[in-house]
PDB file of all heavy atoms in Angstrom:
ATOM      1  N   THR A   1       7.362  -1.600  -3.063  1.00  0.00           N
ATOM      2  CA  THR A   1       7.668  -2.510  -1.989  1.00  0.00           C
ATOM      3  C   THR A   1       6.694  -3.552  -1.980  1.00  0.00           C
ATOM      4  O   THR A   1       5.449  -3.423  -2.359  1.00  0.00           O
ATOM      5  CB  THR A   1       7.692  -1.776  -0.673  1.00  0.00           C
ATOM      6  OG1 THR A   1       6.493  -1.207  -0.464  1.00  0.00           O
ATOM      7  CG2 THR A   1       8.801  -0.771  -0.578  1.00  0.00           C
ATOM      8  N   ILE A   2       7.035  -4.738  -1.529  1.00  0.00           N
ATOM      9  CA  ILE A   2       6.143  -5.854  -1.323  1.00  0.00           C
ATOM     10  C   ILE A   2       6.250  -6.377   0.202  1.00  0.00           C
ATOM     11  O   ILE A   2       7.047  -5.918   0.924  1.00  0.00           O
ATOM     12  CB  ILE A   2       6.604  -7.048  -2.231  1.00  0.00           C
ATOM     13  CG1 ILE A   2       7.964  -7.508  -1.886  1.00  0.00           C
ATOM     14  CG2 ILE A   2       6.459  -6.685  -3.715  1.00  0.00           C
ATOM     15  CD1 ILE A   2       8.370  -8.803  -2.531  1.00  0.00           C
ATOM     16  N   PHE A   3       5.336  -7.243   0.504  1.00  0.00           N
ATOM     17  CA  PHE A   3       5.436  -7.916   1.877  1.00  0.00           C
ATOM     18  C   PHE A   3       5.071  -9.327   1.695  1.00  0.00           C
ATOM     19  O   PHE A   3       4.171  -9.692   0.897  1.00  0.00           O
ATOM     20  CB  PHE A   3       4.786  -7.267   2.924  1.00  0.00           C
ATOM     21  CG  PHE A   3       3.202  -7.206   2.919  1.00  0.00           C
ATOM     22  CD1 PHE A   3       2.520  -8.101   3.590  1.00  0.00           C
ATOM     23  CD2 PHE A   3       2.555  -6.221   2.071  1.00  0.00           C
ATOM     24  CE1 PHE A   3       1.172  -8.090   3.567  1.00  0.00           C
ATOM     25  CE2 PHE A   3       1.202  -6.241   2.077  1.00  0.00           C
ATOM     26  CZ  PHE A   3       0.511  -7.161   2.741  1.00  0.00           C
ATOM     27  N   LEU A   4       5.701 -10.200   2.526  1.00  0.00           N
ATOM     28  CA  LEU A   4       5.428 -11.572   2.525  1.00  0.00           C
ATOM     29  C   LEU A   4       4.934 -11.964   3.883  1.00  0.00           C
ATOM     30  O   LEU A   4       5.301 -11.477   4.911  1.00  0.00           O
ATOM     31  CB  LEU A   4       6.667 -12.407   2.132  1.00  0.00           C
ATOM     32  CG  LEU A   4       7.367 -12.115   0.950  1.00  0.00           C
ATOM     33  CD1 LEU A   4       8.635 -12.976   0.802  1.00  0.00           C
ATOM     34  CD2 LEU A   4       6.474 -12.282  -0.344  1.00  0.00           C
ATOM     35  N   VAL A   5       3.938 -12.923   3.929  1.00  0.00           N
ATOM     36  CA  VAL A   5       3.327 -13.347   5.127  1.00  0.00           C
ATOM     37  C   VAL A   5       3.541 -14.880   5.112  1.00  0.00           C
ATOM     38  O   VAL A   5       3.265 -15.516   4.197  1.00  0.00           O
ATOM     39  CB  VAL A   5       1.828 -13.082   5.193  1.00  0.00           C
ATOM     40  CG1 VAL A   5       1.272 -13.616   6.522  1.00  0.00           C
ATOM     41  CG2 VAL A   5       1.545 -11.575   5.051  1.00  0.00           C
ATOM     42  N   ARG A   6       4.046 -15.365   6.348  1.00  0.00           N
ATOM     43  CA  ARG A   6       4.218 -16.819   6.491  1.00  0.00           C
ATOM     44  C   ARG A   6       3.319 -17.354   7.477  1.00  0.00           C
ATOM     45  O   ARG A   6       3.175 -16.866   8.634  1.00  0.00           O
ATOM     46  CB  ARG A   6       5.681 -17.110   6.946  1.00  0.00           C
ATOM     47  CG  ARG A   6       5.998 -18.464   7.177  1.00  0.00           C
ATOM     48  CD  ARG A   6       7.426 -18.771   7.501  1.00  0.00           C
ATOM     49  NE  ARG A   6       7.566 -20.102   7.939  1.00  0.00           N
ATOM     50  CZ  ARG A   6       8.647 -20.574   8.589  1.00  0.00           C
ATOM     51  NH1 ARG A   6       9.610 -19.700   8.877  1.00  0.00           N
ATOM     52  NH2 ARG A   6       8.757 -21.763   8.919  1.00  0.00           N
ATOM     53  N   GLN A   7       2.693 -18.430   7.105  1.00  0.00           N
ATOM     54  CA  GLN A   7       1.730 -19.216   7.992  1.00  0.00           C
ATOM     55  C   GLN A   7       2.070 -20.713   7.750  1.00  0.00           C
ATOM     56  O   GLN A   7       1.614 -21.225   6.781  1.00  0.00           O
ATOM     57  CB  GLN A   7       0.253 -18.938   7.689  1.00  0.00           C
ATOM     58  CG  GLN A   7      -0.143 -17.519   8.039  1.00  0.00           C
ATOM     59  CD  GLN A   7      -1.695 -17.279   7.951  1.00  0.00           C
ATOM     60  OE1 GLN A   7      -2.307 -17.780   7.064  1.00  0.00           O
ATOM     61  NE2 GLN A   7      -2.117 -16.606   8.955  1.00  0.00           N
ATOM     62  N   GLY A   8       2.957 -21.158   8.633  1.00  0.00           N
ATOM     63  CA  GLY A   8       3.437 -22.617   8.451  1.00  0.00           C
ATOM     64  C   GLY A   8       4.224 -22.645   7.247  1.00  0.00           C
ATOM     65  O   GLY A   8       5.210 -21.909   7.037  1.00  0.00           O
ATOM     66  N   LYS A   9       3.798 -23.559   6.351  1.00  0.00           N
ATOM     67  CA  LYS A   9       4.616 -23.796   5.059  1.00  0.00           C
ATOM     68  C   LYS A   9       3.989 -22.849   4.039  1.00  0.00           C
ATOM     69  O   LYS A   9       4.543 -22.756   2.877  1.00  0.00           O
ATOM     70  CB  LYS A   9       4.469 -25.266   4.700  1.00  0.00           C
ATOM     71  CG  LYS A   9       5.174 -26.129   5.536  1.00  0.00           C
ATOM     72  CD  LYS A   9       5.140 -27.546   5.100  1.00  0.00           C
ATOM     73  CE  LYS A   9       5.752 -28.500   6.047  1.00  0.00           C
ATOM     74  NZ  LYS A   9       5.813 -29.898   5.577  1.00  0.00           N
ATOM     75  N   LYS A  10       2.864 -22.129   4.293  1.00  0.00           N
ATOM     76  CA  LYS A  10       2.356 -21.254   3.253  1.00  0.00           C
ATOM     77  C   LYS A  10       2.974 -19.862   3.339  1.00  0.00           C
ATOM     78  O   LYS A  10       3.205 -19.404   4.356  1.00  0.00           O
ATOM     79  CB  LYS A  10       0.862 -21.123   3.367  1.00  0.00           C
ATOM     80  CG  LYS A  10       0.145 -22.373   3.272  1.00  0.00           C
ATOM     81  CD  LYS A  10      -0.867 -22.275   2.182  1.00  0.00           C
ATOM     82  CE  LYS A  10      -1.651 -23.624   2.066  1.00  0.00           C
ATOM     83  NZ  LYS A  10      -2.141 -23.755   0.774  1.00  0.00           N
ATOM     84  N   ILE A  11       3.228 -19.307   2.082  1.00  0.00           N
ATOM     85  CA  ILE A  11       3.809 -17.984   2.008  1.00  0.00           C
ATOM     86  C   ILE A  11       2.815 -17.134   1.087  1.00  0.00           C
ATOM     87  O   ILE A  11       2.541 -17.607   0.023  1.00  0.00           O
ATOM     88  CB  ILE A  11       5.177 -17.936   1.321  1.00  0.00           C
ATOM     89  CG1 ILE A  11       6.142 -18.768   2.189  1.00  0.00           C
ATOM     90  CG2 ILE A  11       5.685 -16.508   1.238  1.00  0.00           C
ATOM     91  CD1 ILE A  11       6.566 -18.279   3.591  1.00  0.00           C
ATOM     92  N   TYR A  12       2.398 -16.001   1.499  1.00  0.00           N
ATOM     93  CA  TYR A  12       1.550 -15.130   0.710  1.00  0.00           C
ATOM     94  C   TYR A  12       2.267 -13.837   0.497  1.00  0.00           C
ATOM     95  O   TYR A  12       2.994 -13.427   1.369  1.00  0.00           O
ATOM     96  CB  TYR A  12       0.207 -14.839   1.490  1.00  0.00           C
ATOM     97  CG  TYR A  12      -0.509 -16.071   1.925  1.00  0.00           C
ATOM     98  CD1 TYR A  12      -0.374 -16.649   3.183  1.00  0.00           C
ATOM     99  CD2 TYR A  12      -1.327 -16.650   0.997  1.00  0.00           C
ATOM    100  CE1 TYR A  12      -1.022 -17.773   3.548  1.00  0.00           C
ATOM    101  CE2 TYR A  12      -2.023 -17.879   1.347  1.00  0.00           C
ATOM    102  CZ  TYR A  12      -1.831 -18.443   2.603  1.00  0.00           C
ATOM    103  OH  TYR A  12      -2.524 -19.473   3.006  1.00  0.00           O
ATOM    104  N   GLY A  13       2.164 -13.358  -0.732  1.00  0.00           N
ATOM    105  CA  GLY A  13       2.897 -12.182  -1.111  1.00  0.00           C
ATOM    106  C   GLY A  13       1.912 -11.116  -1.641  1.00  0.00           C
ATOM    107  O   GLY A  13       1.111 -11.375  -2.530  1.00  0.00           O
ATOM    108  N   TYR A  14       2.175  -9.803  -1.326  1.00  0.00           N
ATOM    109  CA  TYR A  14       1.231  -8.744  -1.817  1.00  0.00           C
ATOM    110  C   TYR A  14       2.182  -7.483  -2.122  1.00  0.00           C
ATOM    111  O   TYR A  14       3.206  -7.267  -1.345  1.00  0.00           O
ATOM    112  CB  TYR A  14       0.207  -8.334  -0.869  1.00  0.00           C
ATOM    113  CG  TYR A  14      -0.747  -9.529  -0.568  1.00  0.00           C
ATOM    114  CD1 TYR A  14      -0.581 -10.190   0.661  1.00  0.00           C
ATOM    115  CD2 TYR A  14      -1.709  -9.821  -1.465  1.00  0.00           C
ATOM    116  CE1 TYR A  14      -1.398 -11.362   0.890  1.00  0.00           C
ATOM    117  CE2 TYR A  14      -2.639 -10.876  -1.170  1.00  0.00           C
ATOM    118  CZ  TYR A  14      -2.432 -11.607  -0.072  1.00  0.00           C
ATOM    119  OH  TYR A  14      -3.268 -12.628   0.252  1.00  0.00           O
ATOM    120  N   TRP A  15       1.734  -6.665  -2.962  1.00  0.00           N
ATOM    121  CA  TRP A  15       2.318  -5.306  -3.065  1.00  0.00           C
ATOM    122  C   TRP A  15       1.912  -4.601  -1.816  1.00  0.00           C
ATOM    123  O   TRP A  15       0.836  -4.666  -1.422  1.00  0.00           O
ATOM    124  CB  TRP A  15       1.765  -4.586  -4.373  1.00  0.00           C
ATOM    125  CG  TRP A  15       2.397  -5.088  -5.672  1.00  0.00           C
ATOM    126  CD1 TRP A  15       1.677  -5.910  -6.552  1.00  0.00           C
ATOM    127  CD2 TRP A  15       3.729  -4.961  -6.148  1.00  0.00           C
ATOM    128  NE1 TRP A  15       2.517  -6.232  -7.547  1.00  0.00           N
ATOM    129  CE2 TRP A  15       3.698  -5.726  -7.291  1.00  0.00           C
ATOM    130  CE3 TRP A  15       4.766  -4.408  -5.693  1.00  0.00           C
ATOM    131  CZ2 TRP A  15       4.877  -5.816  -8.109  1.00  0.00           C
ATOM    132  CZ3 TRP A  15       5.977  -4.466  -6.450  1.00  0.00           C
ATOM    133  CH2 TRP A  15       6.087  -5.258  -7.637  1.00  0.00           C
ATOM    134  N   ASN A  16       2.785  -3.780  -1.298  1.00  0.00           N
ATOM    135  CA  ASN A  16       2.519  -3.056  -0.062  1.00  0.00           C
ATOM    136  C   ASN A  16       1.797  -1.761  -0.400  1.00  0.00           C
ATOM    137  O   ASN A  16       2.314  -0.634  -0.402  1.00  0.00           O
ATOM    138  CB  ASN A  16       3.849  -2.718   0.683  1.00  0.00           C
ATOM    139  CG  ASN A  16       3.624  -2.133   2.033  1.00  0.00           C
ATOM    140  OD1 ASN A  16       2.477  -2.097   2.592  1.00  0.00           O
ATOM    141  ND2 ASN A  16       4.667  -1.758   2.774  1.00  0.00           N
ATOM    142  N   CYS A  17       0.561  -1.908  -0.831  1.00  0.00           N
ATOM    143  CA  CYS A  17      -0.237  -0.750  -1.339  1.00  0.00           C
ATOM    144  C   CYS A  17      -1.672  -1.047  -1.094  1.00  0.00           C
ATOM    145  O   CYS A  17      -2.235  -1.995  -1.512  1.00  0.00           O
ATOM    146  CB  CYS A  17       0.025  -0.765  -2.850  1.00  0.00           C
ATOM    147  SG  CYS A  17      -0.733   0.688  -3.710  1.00  0.00           S
ATOM    148  N   CYS A  18      -2.273  -0.280  -0.182  1.00  0.00           N
ATOM    149  CA  CYS A  18      -3.681  -0.446   0.215  1.00  0.00           C
ATOM    150  C   CYS A  18      -4.645  -0.233  -0.984  1.00  0.00           C
ATOM    151  O   CYS A  18      -4.413   0.596  -1.891  1.00  0.00           O
ATOM    152  CB  CYS A  18      -4.000   0.599   1.284  1.00  0.00           C
ATOM    153  SG  CYS A  18      -5.747   0.304   1.780  1.00  0.00           S
ATOM    154  N   ALA A  19      -5.665  -1.069  -0.968  1.00  0.00           N
ATOM    155  CA  ALA A  19      -6.660  -1.089  -2.067  1.00  0.00           C
ATOM    156  C   ALA A  19      -7.509   0.259  -2.025  1.00  0.00           C
ATOM    157  O   ALA A  19      -8.221   0.556  -3.019  1.00  0.00           O
ATOM    158  CB  ALA A  19      -7.599  -2.308  -2.084  1.00  0.00           C
ATOM    159  N   HIS A  20      -7.325   1.008  -1.013  1.00  0.00           N
ATOM    160  CA  HIS A  20      -8.196   2.273  -0.911  1.00  0.00           C
ATOM    161  C   HIS A  20      -7.393   3.489  -1.341  1.00  0.00           C
ATOM    162  O   HIS A  20      -7.804   4.090  -2.407  1.00  0.00           O
ATOM    163  CB  HIS A  20      -8.615   2.497   0.506  1.00  0.00           C
ATOM    164  CG  HIS A  20      -9.356   3.675   0.885  1.00  0.00           C
ATOM    165  ND1 HIS A  20      -9.062   4.608   1.883  1.00  0.00           N
ATOM    166  CD2 HIS A  20     -10.472   4.234   0.265  1.00  0.00           C
ATOM    167  CE1 HIS A  20      -9.913   5.491   1.820  1.00  0.00           C
ATOM    168  NE2 HIS A  20     -10.789   5.423   0.880  1.00  0.00           N
ATOM    169  N   LEU A  21      -6.317   3.903  -0.638  1.00  0.00           N
ATOM    170  CA  LEU A  21      -5.577   5.012  -1.035  1.00  0.00           C
ATOM    171  C   LEU A  21      -4.164   4.847  -1.708  1.00  0.00           C
ATOM    172  O   LEU A  21      -3.539   5.790  -2.048  1.00  0.00           O
ATOM    173  CB  LEU A  21      -5.362   5.989   0.182  1.00  0.00           C
ATOM    174  CG  LEU A  21      -6.723   6.599   0.834  1.00  0.00           C
ATOM    175  CD1 LEU A  21      -6.373   7.203   2.124  1.00  0.00           C
ATOM    176  CD2 LEU A  21      -7.458   7.446  -0.161  1.00  0.00           C
ATOM    177  N   GLY A  22      -3.802   3.584  -1.771  1.00  0.00           N
ATOM    178  CA  GLY A  22      -2.548   3.233  -2.286  1.00  0.00           C
ATOM    179  C   GLY A  22      -1.421   3.497  -1.310  1.00  0.00           C
ATOM    180  O   GLY A  22      -0.159   3.355  -1.744  1.00  0.00           O
ATOM    181  N   THR A  23      -1.687   3.809  -0.008  1.00  0.00           N
ATOM    182  CA  THR A  23      -0.649   3.985   0.953  1.00  0.00           C
ATOM    183  C   THR A  23      -0.110   2.464   1.426  1.00  0.00           C
ATOM    184  O   THR A  23      -0.741   1.564   1.332  1.00  0.00           O
ATOM    185  CB  THR A  23      -1.212   4.751   2.171  1.00  0.00           C
ATOM    186  OG1 THR A  23      -2.265   4.001   2.658  1.00  0.00           O
ATOM    187  CG2 THR A  23      -1.584   6.114   1.752  1.00  0.00           C
ATOM    188  N   PRO A  24       1.122   2.577   1.980  1.00  0.00           N
ATOM    189  CA  PRO A  24       1.672   1.283   2.561  1.00  0.00           C
ATOM    190  C   PRO A  24       0.779   0.807   3.729  1.00  0.00           C
ATOM    191  O   PRO A  24       0.228   1.634   4.470  1.00  0.00           O
ATOM    192  CB  PRO A  24       3.026   1.708   3.001  1.00  0.00           C
ATOM    193  CG  PRO A  24       3.410   2.940   2.298  1.00  0.00           C
ATOM    194  CD  PRO A  24       2.080   3.620   2.084  1.00  0.00           C
ATOM    195  N   LEU A  25       0.736  -0.498   3.813  1.00  0.00           N
ATOM    196  CA  LEU A  25      -0.094  -1.038   4.989  1.00  0.00           C
ATOM    197  C   LEU A  25       0.649  -0.888   6.362  1.00  0.00           C
ATOM    198  O   LEU A  25      -0.065  -0.831   7.343  1.00  0.00           O
ATOM    199  CB  LEU A  25      -0.415  -2.549   4.724  1.00  0.00           C
ATOM    200  CG  LEU A  25      -1.694  -2.740   3.975  1.00  0.00           C
ATOM    201  CD1 LEU A  25      -1.717  -2.333   2.572  1.00  0.00           C
ATOM    202  CD2 LEU A  25      -2.132  -4.150   4.091  1.00  0.00           C
ATOM    203  N   ASP A  26       1.974  -1.131   6.267  1.00  0.00           N
ATOM    204  CA  ASP A  26       2.557  -1.162   7.588  1.00  0.00           C
ATOM    205  C   ASP A  26       2.758   0.146   8.301  1.00  0.00           C
ATOM    206  O   ASP A  26       3.099   1.140   7.676  1.00  0.00           O
ATOM    207  CB  ASP A  26       3.944  -1.860   7.516  1.00  0.00           C
ATOM    208  CG  ASP A  26       4.910  -1.297   6.331  1.00  0.00           C
ATOM    209  OD1 ASP A  26       4.371  -0.707   5.484  1.00  0.00           O
ATOM    210  OD2 ASP A  26       6.083  -1.566   6.409  1.00  0.00           O
ATOM    211  N   TRP A  27       2.481   0.207   9.567  1.00  0.00           N
ATOM    212  CA  TRP A  27       2.518   1.542  10.326  1.00  0.00           C
ATOM    213  C   TRP A  27       4.019   1.633  10.803  1.00  0.00           C
ATOM    214  O   TRP A  27       4.306   2.803  11.211  1.00  0.00           O
ATOM    215  CB  TRP A  27       1.535   1.552  11.513  1.00  0.00           C
ATOM    216  CG  TRP A  27       1.663   0.334  12.517  1.00  0.00           C
ATOM    217  CD1 TRP A  27       1.167  -0.936  12.447  1.00  0.00           C
ATOM    218  CD2 TRP A  27       2.385   0.319  13.790  1.00  0.00           C
ATOM    219  NE1 TRP A  27       1.540  -1.655  13.464  1.00  0.00           N
ATOM    220  CE2 TRP A  27       2.249  -0.822  14.403  1.00  0.00           C
ATOM    221  CE3 TRP A  27       3.096   1.360  14.432  1.00  0.00           C
ATOM    222  CZ2 TRP A  27       2.808  -1.134  15.659  1.00  0.00           C
ATOM    223  CZ3 TRP A  27       3.581   1.042  15.678  1.00  0.00           C
ATOM    224  CH2 TRP A  27       3.391  -0.208  16.226  1.00  0.00           C
ATOM    225  N   LYS A  28       4.783   0.678  10.857  1.00  0.00           N
ATOM    226  CA  LYS A  28       6.220   0.709  10.989  1.00  0.00           C
ATOM    227  C   LYS A  28       6.847  -0.475  10.382  1.00  0.00           C
ATOM    228  O   LYS A  28       5.997  -1.413  10.153  1.00  0.00           O
ATOM    229  CB  LYS A  28       6.656   0.890  12.587  1.00  0.00           C
ATOM    230  CG  LYS A  28       6.351  -0.304  13.446  1.00  0.00           C
ATOM    231  CD  LYS A  28       6.843   0.047  14.811  1.00  0.00           C
ATOM    232  CE  LYS A  28       6.927  -1.201  15.716  1.00  0.00           C
ATOM    233  NZ  LYS A  28       7.316  -0.958  17.117  1.00  0.00           N
ATOM    234  N   PRO A  29       8.124  -0.561  10.060  1.00  0.00           N
ATOM    235  CA  PRO A  29       8.562  -1.685   9.294  1.00  0.00           C
ATOM    236  C   PRO A  29       8.147  -3.055   9.725  1.00  0.00           C
ATOM    237  O   PRO A  29       8.208  -3.377  10.946  1.00  0.00           O
ATOM    238  CB  PRO A  29      10.054  -1.527   9.365  1.00  0.00           C
ATOM    239  CG  PRO A  29      10.270   0.047   9.530  1.00  0.00           C
ATOM    240  CD  PRO A  29       9.082   0.338  10.389  1.00  0.00           C
ATOM    241  N   ASP A  30       7.613  -3.828   8.862  1.00  0.00           N
ATOM    242  CA  ASP A  30       7.199  -5.210   9.068  1.00  0.00           C
ATOM    243  C   ASP A  30       6.029  -5.435  10.055  1.00  0.00           C
ATOM    244  O   ASP A  30       5.745  -6.510  10.581  1.00  0.00           O
ATOM    245  CB  ASP A  30       8.428  -6.079   9.658  1.00  0.00           C
ATOM    246  CG  ASP A  30       9.581  -6.074   8.590  1.00  0.00           C
ATOM    247  OD1 ASP A  30       9.307  -5.940   7.353  1.00  0.00           O
ATOM    248  OD2 ASP A  30      10.706  -6.116   9.036  1.00  0.00           O
ATOM    249  N   HIS A  31       5.242  -4.429  10.295  1.00  0.00           N
ATOM    250  CA  HIS A  31       4.035  -4.539  11.070  1.00  0.00           C
ATOM    251  C   HIS A  31       2.783  -4.366  10.195  1.00  0.00           C
ATOM    252  O   HIS A  31       2.411  -3.292   9.891  1.00  0.00           O
ATOM    253  CB  HIS A  31       4.051  -3.491  12.134  1.00  0.00           C
ATOM    254  CG  HIS A  31       4.894  -3.686  13.293  1.00  0.00           C
ATOM    255  ND1 HIS A  31       6.353  -3.599  13.156  1.00  0.00           N
ATOM    256  CD2 HIS A  31       4.769  -4.294  14.534  1.00  0.00           C
ATOM    257  CE1 HIS A  31       6.897  -3.926  14.294  1.00  0.00           C
ATOM    258  NE2 HIS A  31       5.993  -4.403  15.107  1.00  0.00           N
TER     259      HIS A  31
END
């Protein structure tokens, strides 16, 4: 899974995988 962040016209994208344990970042979908 990936996630995208929008700030105005800028879009940032990351793998949904924490750099510590590899768990997903979101505590519920899209958070």
